[in-house]
Protein backbone atom coordinates (compact mmCIF):
# COMPACT_ATOMS: atom_id res chain seq x y z
CA UNK A 1 -75.58 124.86 -39.68
CA UNK A 2 -74.85 124.83 -43.38
CA UNK A 3 -77.40 124.96 -46.12
CA UNK A 4 -76.85 121.33 -47.36
CA UNK A 5 -77.52 119.77 -44.01
CA UNK A 6 -80.55 122.04 -43.30
CA UNK A 7 -82.02 121.30 -46.79
CA UNK A 8 -81.55 117.50 -46.52
CA UNK A 9 -82.98 117.45 -42.95
CA UNK A 10 -86.06 119.41 -43.99
CA UNK A 11 -86.69 117.02 -46.92
CA UNK A 12 -86.17 114.03 -44.63
CA UNK A 13 -88.59 115.47 -42.09
CA UNK A 14 -91.18 116.13 -44.76
CA UNK A 15 -90.98 112.47 -45.74
CA UNK A 16 -92.88 111.64 -42.53
CA UNK A 17 -96.05 112.29 -44.55
CA UNK A 18 -95.04 109.87 -47.21
CA UNK A 19 -94.02 107.27 -44.62
CA UNK A 20 -97.52 107.62 -43.11
CA UNK A 21 -99.05 107.05 -46.54
CA UNK A 22 -96.92 103.99 -47.20
CA UNK A 23 -97.70 102.55 -43.74
CA UNK A 24 -101.34 103.21 -44.35
CA UNK A 25 -101.43 101.40 -47.66
CA UNK A 26 -99.57 98.43 -46.06
CA UNK A 27 -102.11 98.18 -43.30
CA UNK A 28 -105.43 99.32 -44.73
CA UNK A 29 -107.53 97.13 -42.38
CA UNK A 30 -106.01 98.72 -39.24
CA UNK A 31 -106.55 102.36 -40.13
CA UNK A 32 -110.29 102.54 -39.32
CA UNK A 33 -110.17 100.83 -35.91
CA UNK A 34 -106.96 102.57 -34.96
CA UNK A 35 -108.25 106.13 -35.87
CA UNK A 36 -108.75 106.97 -32.24
CA UNK A 37 -105.07 106.12 -31.45
CA UNK A 38 -103.89 108.05 -34.46
CA UNK A 39 -105.70 111.17 -33.18
CA UNK A 40 -104.16 110.73 -29.71
CA UNK A 41 -100.69 110.20 -31.20
CA UNK A 42 -101.19 113.29 -33.44
CA UNK A 43 -102.14 115.48 -30.57
CA UNK A 44 -99.42 114.21 -28.19
CA UNK A 45 -96.69 114.65 -30.68
CA UNK A 46 -97.80 118.16 -31.48
CA UNK A 47 -97.80 118.98 -27.70
CA UNK A 48 -94.21 117.68 -27.45
CA UNK A 49 -93.14 119.81 -30.38
CA UNK A 50 -94.50 122.89 -28.75
CA UNK A 51 -93.04 121.87 -25.41
CA UNK A 52 -89.54 121.74 -26.89
CA UNK A 53 -89.89 124.99 -28.82
CA UNK A 54 -91.14 126.81 -25.65
CA UNK A 55 -88.26 125.24 -23.70
CA UNK A 56 -85.86 126.54 -26.41
CA UNK A 57 -86.99 130.04 -25.49
CA UNK A 58 -86.18 129.38 -21.84
CA UNK A 59 -89.68 130.01 -20.58
CA UNK A 60 -90.65 129.02 -17.02
CA UNK A 61 -91.39 125.29 -16.82
CA UNK A 62 -94.72 126.06 -15.04
CA UNK A 63 -95.81 128.39 -17.79
CA UNK A 64 -94.84 125.75 -20.41
CA UNK A 65 -96.84 123.11 -18.65
CA UNK A 66 -99.92 125.37 -18.44
CA UNK A 67 -99.58 126.30 -22.15
CA UNK A 68 -99.19 122.61 -23.17
CA UNK A 69 -102.23 121.66 -21.16
CA UNK A 70 -104.27 124.37 -22.78
CA UNK A 71 -103.05 123.20 -26.21
CA UNK A 72 -103.94 119.57 -25.45
CA UNK A 73 -107.41 120.46 -24.15
CA UNK A 74 -108.07 122.51 -27.25
CA UNK A 75 -106.73 119.87 -29.54
CA UNK A 76 -108.80 117.14 -28.06
CA UNK A 77 -111.95 119.38 -28.00
CA UNK A 78 -111.87 120.06 -31.69
CA UNK A 79 -112.94 117.18 -33.82
CA UNK A 80 -110.89 116.37 -36.93
CA UNK A 81 -108.45 119.17 -36.45
CA UNK A 82 -105.91 117.02 -38.31
CA UNK A 83 -107.70 117.92 -41.58
CA UNK A 84 -106.28 121.45 -41.21
CA UNK A 85 -102.68 120.11 -41.29
CA UNK A 86 -101.53 122.69 -43.82
CA UNK A 87 -101.81 125.33 -41.05
CA UNK A 88 -99.94 123.05 -38.70
CA UNK A 89 -97.17 122.36 -41.28
CA UNK A 90 -96.73 126.07 -41.90
CA UNK A 91 -96.19 126.51 -38.17
CA UNK A 92 -93.94 123.42 -37.99
CA UNK A 93 -91.80 124.84 -40.78
CA UNK A 94 -91.38 127.99 -38.69
CA UNK A 95 -90.60 125.90 -35.60
CA UNK A 96 -88.13 123.87 -37.65
CA UNK A 97 -86.33 127.11 -38.64
CA UNK A 98 -86.29 128.45 -35.07
CA UNK A 99 -84.77 125.22 -33.68
CA UNK A 100 -81.90 125.13 -36.12
CA UNK A 101 -79.71 127.49 -33.91
CA UNK A 102 -79.47 124.81 -31.19
CA UNK A 103 -78.45 121.38 -32.59
CA UNK A 104 -80.02 119.46 -29.70
CA UNK A 105 -83.41 121.09 -30.12
CA UNK A 106 -83.10 120.79 -33.82
CA UNK A 107 -82.61 117.02 -33.70
CA UNK A 108 -85.48 116.61 -31.34
CA UNK A 109 -87.81 118.88 -33.28
CA UNK A 110 -86.86 117.20 -36.57
CA UNK A 111 -87.65 113.72 -35.29
CA UNK A 112 -90.90 114.87 -33.77
CA UNK A 113 -92.05 116.58 -36.93
CA UNK A 114 -91.21 113.37 -38.93
CA UNK A 115 -93.29 111.33 -36.40
CA UNK A 116 -96.01 113.91 -36.55
CA UNK A 117 -96.37 113.41 -40.31
CA UNK A 118 -97.15 109.74 -40.06
CA UNK A 119 -100.47 109.91 -38.12
CA UNK A 120 -101.46 113.03 -39.93
CA UNK A 121 -101.22 111.48 -43.35
CA UNK A 122 -102.76 108.21 -42.11
CA UNK A 123 -105.78 110.20 -40.80
CA UNK A 124 -106.23 112.17 -43.95
CA UNK A 125 -105.75 109.36 -46.49
CA UNK A 126 -108.91 108.29 -48.28
CA UNK A 127 -108.33 104.96 -50.13
CA UNK A 128 -111.33 105.38 -52.35
CA UNK A 129 -110.33 108.93 -53.52
CA UNK A 130 -106.62 108.06 -53.65
CA UNK A 131 -105.74 111.55 -52.35
CA UNK A 132 -102.16 110.86 -51.39
CA UNK A 133 -100.84 113.48 -53.82
CA UNK A 134 -103.19 116.01 -52.40
CA UNK A 135 -101.84 115.42 -48.87
CA UNK A 136 -98.30 115.92 -50.04
CA UNK A 137 -99.03 119.09 -52.07
CA UNK A 138 -101.34 120.67 -49.47
CA UNK A 139 -98.65 120.48 -46.69
CA UNK A 140 -95.81 122.01 -48.82
CA UNK A 141 -96.13 125.11 -46.65
CA UNK A 142 -93.73 123.38 -44.42
CA UNK A 143 -90.97 124.51 -46.69
CA UNK A 144 -91.36 128.06 -45.48
CA UNK A 145 -88.40 126.96 -43.40
CA UNK A 146 -86.21 127.18 -46.42
CA UNK A 147 -87.32 130.76 -47.13
CA UNK A 148 -86.72 131.71 -43.50
CA UNK A 149 -83.19 130.22 -43.66
CA UNK A 150 -82.15 132.70 -46.40
CA UNK A 151 -83.56 135.78 -44.64
């Protein structure tokens, strides 16, 4: 994969956060009652991302299922884990880099990371504080994938 495609894809994937902010502003009334569903969507998408990256490494399917179940149980047991998205985006940047060797996994991972950004930013957005710029800046660790590409 050449640098231009990789760079443009990483920027497009990161725009999932911005898309979530835009959708949140367009539907302010639905954010609070839908918070439970955003948390579920956030956790399920994260589990799918880890499923595909584990599948990329050709692990046994039973081991993958056990690891995903452990991940889901831990995600649902910790309240407001989405507030630590900067850690998740650092890991997602690494996963993004690891998947670029296989184009099929790269496309799936890219789409899932984009979709992951939407509920993450919707859950973190505070309309009174107008913290949208903070969400975007705090998750810039995702671009570790660009540094890894040059190594």
